Amino acid sequence: GYLWHVDTGCVFNSSDLNDIEYFEIYNYNKLKLFRFSSTLDKYVGYTEFGIKQATAFNNDKDLIADVRARKEYICLNNIKLDYESALTKS
């Protein structure tokens, strides 16, 4: 079969929004096609198909606004919980 897989995550050193990187990595059959990084603030392609997708996604202003908002909505809220529940107690 075929497998389309998206990894998302947050990399952080503190709960300050400026210290958080949000990423999405799009894979197909274990091949990394393209990714979004909030540090770069854009999608980057790794294959011919991925470059086309990244270009189309980068030109979609609504999509870019949405993915930018995910950094705060997903990462910031969860990182605050992580700090309160685990990291400050280790």
N, C-alpha and C. Protein backbone atom coordinates (compact mmCIF):
# COMPACT_ATOMS: atom_id res chain seq x y z
N GLY A 1 0.80 -1.18 0.00
CA GLY A 1 0.00 0.00 0.00
C GLY A 1 0.85 1.25 0.00
N TYR A 2 0.18 2.35 0.03
CA TYR A 2 0.82 3.66 0.05
C TYR A 2 0.52 4.35 1.36
N LEU A 3 1.48 5.14 1.82
CA LEU A 3 1.30 5.81 3.10
C LEU A 3 1.61 7.30 2.97
N TRP A 4 0.62 8.14 3.24
CA TRP A 4 0.77 9.59 3.32
C TRP A 4 0.80 9.92 4.80
N HIS A 5 1.84 10.57 5.24
CA HIS A 5 2.03 10.79 6.67
C HIS A 5 2.51 12.22 6.91
N VAL A 6 1.94 12.88 7.92
CA VAL A 6 2.34 14.24 8.28
C VAL A 6 2.77 14.24 9.73
N ASP A 7 3.99 14.71 9.97
CA ASP A 7 4.50 14.89 11.33
C ASP A 7 4.38 16.37 11.68
N THR A 8 3.88 16.65 12.85
CA THR A 8 3.84 18.03 13.34
C THR A 8 4.46 18.07 14.71
N GLY A 9 5.02 19.21 15.06
CA GLY A 9 5.61 19.29 16.38
C GLY A 9 6.07 20.69 16.73
N CYS A 10 6.54 20.80 17.96
CA CYS A 10 7.01 22.07 18.48
C CYS A 10 8.38 21.83 19.12
N VAL A 11 9.32 22.68 18.79
CA VAL A 11 10.65 22.64 19.40
C VAL A 11 10.76 23.91 20.22
N PHE A 12 11.16 23.77 21.50
CA PHE A 12 11.17 24.96 22.35
C PHE A 12 12.24 24.88 23.42
N ASN A 13 12.69 26.05 23.84
CA ASN A 13 13.63 26.18 24.96
C ASN A 13 12.99 26.90 26.13
N SER A 14 11.88 27.56 25.87
CA SER A 14 11.14 28.27 26.92
C SER A 14 9.70 28.40 26.45
N SER A 15 8.87 28.99 27.29
CA SER A 15 7.47 29.18 26.92
C SER A 15 7.24 30.51 26.20
N ASP A 16 8.33 31.22 25.87
CA ASP A 16 8.23 32.45 25.10
C ASP A 16 7.94 32.10 23.65
N LEU A 17 6.92 32.72 23.06
CA LEU A 17 6.50 32.40 21.70
C LEU A 17 7.64 32.56 20.70
N ASN A 18 8.55 33.50 20.94
CA ASN A 18 9.68 33.72 20.02
C ASN A 18 10.70 32.59 20.06
N ASP A 19 10.70 31.78 21.12
CA ASP A 19 11.64 30.67 21.25
C ASP A 19 11.05 29.35 20.78
N ILE A 20 9.88 29.38 20.17
CA ILE A 20 9.20 28.16 19.75
C ILE A 20 9.25 28.04 18.24
N GLU A 21 9.60 26.83 17.77
CA GLU A 21 9.49 26.53 16.34
C GLU A 21 8.38 25.51 16.14
N TYR A 22 7.45 25.82 15.26
CA TYR A 22 6.39 24.89 14.88
C TYR A 22 6.76 24.33 13.51
N PHE A 23 6.59 23.03 13.32
CA PHE A 23 6.91 22.44 12.02
C PHE A 23 5.86 21.42 11.61
N GLU A 24 5.74 21.24 10.31
CA GLU A 24 4.94 20.19 9.70
C GLU A 24 5.81 19.56 8.63
N ILE A 25 5.92 18.23 8.64
CA ILE A 25 6.71 17.52 7.63
C ILE A 25 5.77 16.55 6.91
N TYR A 26 5.69 16.69 5.60
CA TYR A 26 4.81 15.86 4.77
C TYR A 26 5.64 14.77 4.09
N ASN A 27 5.23 13.51 4.33
CA ASN A 27 5.96 12.36 3.81
C ASN A 27 5.04 11.48 2.98
N TYR A 28 5.64 10.80 2.02
CA TYR A 28 4.91 9.81 1.22
C TYR A 28 5.82 8.61 1.06
N ASN A 29 5.37 7.46 1.58
CA ASN A 29 6.18 6.23 1.54
C ASN A 29 7.60 6.47 2.05
N LYS A 30 7.73 7.09 3.21
CA LYS A 30 8.98 7.36 3.91
C LYS A 30 9.87 8.39 3.22
N LEU A 31 9.38 9.04 2.19
CA LEU A 31 10.13 10.06 1.47
C LEU A 31 9.63 11.44 1.90
N LYS A 32 10.54 12.27 2.42
CA LYS A 32 10.15 13.62 2.83
C LYS A 32 9.92 14.44 1.57
N LEU A 33 8.68 14.95 1.41
CA LEU A 33 8.31 15.72 0.23
C LEU A 33 8.51 17.22 0.45
N PHE A 34 7.92 17.74 1.53
CA PHE A 34 8.04 19.16 1.84
C PHE A 34 7.73 19.38 3.31
N ARG A 35 8.06 20.58 3.80
CA ARG A 35 7.82 20.90 5.20
C ARG A 35 7.54 22.37 5.37
N PHE A 36 6.87 22.68 6.47
CA PHE A 36 6.71 24.06 6.91
C PHE A 36 7.52 24.22 8.17
N SER A 37 8.22 25.33 8.28
CA SER A 37 8.94 25.68 9.50
C SER A 37 8.59 27.11 9.86
N SER A 38 8.17 27.33 11.10
CA SER A 38 7.85 28.69 11.52
C SER A 38 9.11 29.54 11.61
N THR A 39 10.27 28.93 11.74
CA THR A 39 11.52 29.68 11.75
C THR A 39 11.77 30.29 10.37
N LEU A 40 11.53 29.50 9.32
CA LEU A 40 11.66 30.00 7.95
C LEU A 40 10.43 30.77 7.51
N ASP A 41 9.30 30.51 8.16
CA ASP A 41 8.01 31.11 7.86
C ASP A 41 7.53 30.80 6.44
N LYS A 42 7.83 29.59 6.00
CA LYS A 42 7.38 29.17 4.67
C LYS A 42 7.52 27.66 4.53
N TYR A 43 6.91 27.14 3.46
CA TYR A 43 7.06 25.74 3.09
C TYR A 43 8.30 25.61 2.21
N VAL A 44 9.01 24.49 2.37
CA VAL A 44 10.19 24.19 1.57
C VAL A 44 10.02 22.79 0.99
N GLY A 45 10.26 22.64 -0.31
CA GLY A 45 10.14 21.34 -0.96
C GLY A 45 11.46 20.62 -1.07
N TYR A 46 11.40 19.27 -1.04
CA TYR A 46 12.60 18.44 -1.13
C TYR A 46 12.62 17.57 -2.38
N THR A 47 11.49 17.40 -3.01
CA THR A 47 11.39 16.62 -4.25
C THR A 47 10.74 17.52 -5.30
N GLU A 48 10.69 17.06 -6.53
CA GLU A 48 10.04 17.84 -7.58
C GLU A 48 8.58 18.12 -7.22
N PHE A 49 7.87 17.08 -6.80
CA PHE A 49 6.48 17.26 -6.37
C PHE A 49 6.41 18.18 -5.15
N GLY A 50 7.31 17.98 -4.18
CA GLY A 50 7.32 18.79 -2.96
C GLY A 50 7.58 20.26 -3.23
N ILE A 51 8.44 20.55 -4.18
CA ILE A 51 8.72 21.95 -4.53
C ILE A 51 7.47 22.60 -5.12
N LYS A 52 6.75 21.86 -5.97
CA LYS A 52 5.51 22.40 -6.55
C LYS A 52 4.47 22.64 -5.46
N GLN A 53 4.34 21.70 -4.54
CA GLN A 53 3.38 21.86 -3.44
C GLN A 53 3.76 23.03 -2.55
N ALA A 54 5.04 23.13 -2.22
CA ALA A 54 5.51 24.21 -1.35
C ALA A 54 5.24 25.57 -2.00
N THR A 55 5.50 25.67 -3.28
CA THR A 55 5.25 26.93 -3.99
C THR A 55 3.77 27.28 -3.96
N ALA A 56 2.92 26.30 -4.22
CA ALA A 56 1.47 26.55 -4.20
C ALA A 56 1.01 26.93 -2.80
N PHE A 57 1.50 26.23 -1.79
CA PHE A 57 1.10 26.54 -0.41
C PHE A 57 1.59 27.92 0.00
N ASN A 58 2.82 28.28 -0.37
CA ASN A 58 3.37 29.59 -0.01
C ASN A 58 2.60 30.73 -0.67
N ASN A 59 1.97 30.47 -1.81
CA ASN A 59 1.19 31.49 -2.51
C ASN A 59 -0.25 31.60 -2.01
N ASP A 60 -0.66 30.69 -1.13
CA ASP A 60 -2.00 30.71 -0.56
C ASP A 60 -1.97 31.48 0.77
N LYS A 61 -2.33 32.74 0.73
CA LYS A 61 -2.22 33.61 1.91
C LYS A 61 -3.07 33.14 3.09
N ASP A 62 -4.23 32.55 2.80
CA ASP A 62 -5.08 32.03 3.88
C ASP A 62 -4.43 30.84 4.56
N LEU A 63 -3.84 29.96 3.78
CA LEU A 63 -3.16 28.79 4.34
C LEU A 63 -1.97 29.21 5.19
N ILE A 64 -1.19 30.15 4.70
CA ILE A 64 -0.03 30.62 5.45
C ILE A 64 -0.47 31.27 6.76
N ALA A 65 -1.53 32.07 6.72
CA ALA A 65 -2.05 32.68 7.96
C ALA A 65 -2.50 31.60 8.94
N ASP A 66 -3.13 30.56 8.43
CA ASP A 66 -3.61 29.47 9.28
C ASP A 66 -2.44 28.71 9.93
N VAL A 67 -1.44 28.39 9.14
CA VAL A 67 -0.31 27.62 9.68
C VAL A 67 0.50 28.46 10.66
N ARG A 68 0.57 29.77 10.44
CA ARG A 68 1.23 30.66 11.41
C ARG A 68 0.48 30.66 12.74
N ALA A 69 -0.84 30.65 12.66
CA ALA A 69 -1.66 30.66 13.88
C ALA A 69 -1.52 29.36 14.68
N ARG A 70 -1.21 28.27 14.01
CA ARG A 70 -1.05 26.99 14.71
C ARG A 70 0.09 27.02 15.71
N LYS A 71 1.12 27.80 15.43
CA LYS A 71 2.24 27.89 16.37
C LYS A 71 1.75 28.33 17.74
N GLU A 72 0.95 29.37 17.76
CA GLU A 72 0.43 29.86 19.04
C GLU A 72 -0.65 28.93 19.59
N TYR A 73 -1.56 28.51 18.72
CA TYR A 73 -2.70 27.70 19.17
C TYR A 73 -2.25 26.34 19.69
N ILE A 74 -1.37 25.67 18.98
CA ILE A 74 -0.95 24.32 19.36
C ILE A 74 0.23 24.36 20.32
N CYS A 75 1.29 25.01 19.90
CA CYS A 75 2.53 24.95 20.68
C CYS A 75 2.44 25.71 22.00
N LEU A 76 2.11 26.98 21.92
CA LEU A 76 2.15 27.81 23.11
C LEU A 76 1.25 27.28 24.21
N ASN A 77 0.04 26.88 23.89
CA ASN A 77 -0.87 26.36 24.91
C ASN A 77 -0.35 25.06 25.52
N ASN A 78 0.16 24.16 24.71
CA ASN A 78 0.65 22.88 25.23
C ASN A 78 1.97 23.02 25.98
N ILE A 79 2.83 23.92 25.53
CA ILE A 79 4.10 24.11 26.22
C ILE A 79 3.87 24.68 27.62
N LYS A 80 2.92 25.58 27.75
CA LYS A 80 2.60 26.11 29.09
C LYS A 80 2.15 24.98 30.01
N LEU A 81 1.35 24.06 29.49
CA LEU A 81 0.92 22.90 30.29
C LEU A 81 2.11 22.02 30.65
N ASP A 82 3.02 21.79 29.69
CA ASP A 82 4.21 20.98 29.95
C ASP A 82 5.05 21.60 31.05
N TYR A 83 5.28 22.90 30.97
CA TYR A 83 6.07 23.58 32.00
C TYR A 83 5.41 23.45 33.37
N GLU A 84 4.09 23.64 33.42
CA GLU A 84 3.40 23.60 34.71
C GLU A 84 3.35 22.19 35.29
N SER A 85 3.17 21.17 34.44
CA SER A 85 2.95 19.82 34.96
C SER A 85 4.22 19.01 35.12
N ALA A 86 5.24 19.25 34.31
CA ALA A 86 6.38 18.34 34.35
C ALA A 86 7.73 19.04 34.45
N LEU A 87 7.98 19.95 33.57
CA LEU A 87 9.32 20.49 33.47
C LEU A 87 9.78 21.26 34.70
N THR A 88 8.89 21.93 35.37
CA THR A 88 9.28 22.69 36.56
C THR A 88 9.46 21.78 37.76
N LYS A 89 9.04 20.53 37.66
CA LYS A 89 9.14 19.60 38.79
C LYS A 89 10.28 18.61 38.66
N SER A 90 11.04 18.69 37.56
CA SER A 90 12.12 17.70 37.36
C SER A 90 13.40 18.13 38.05
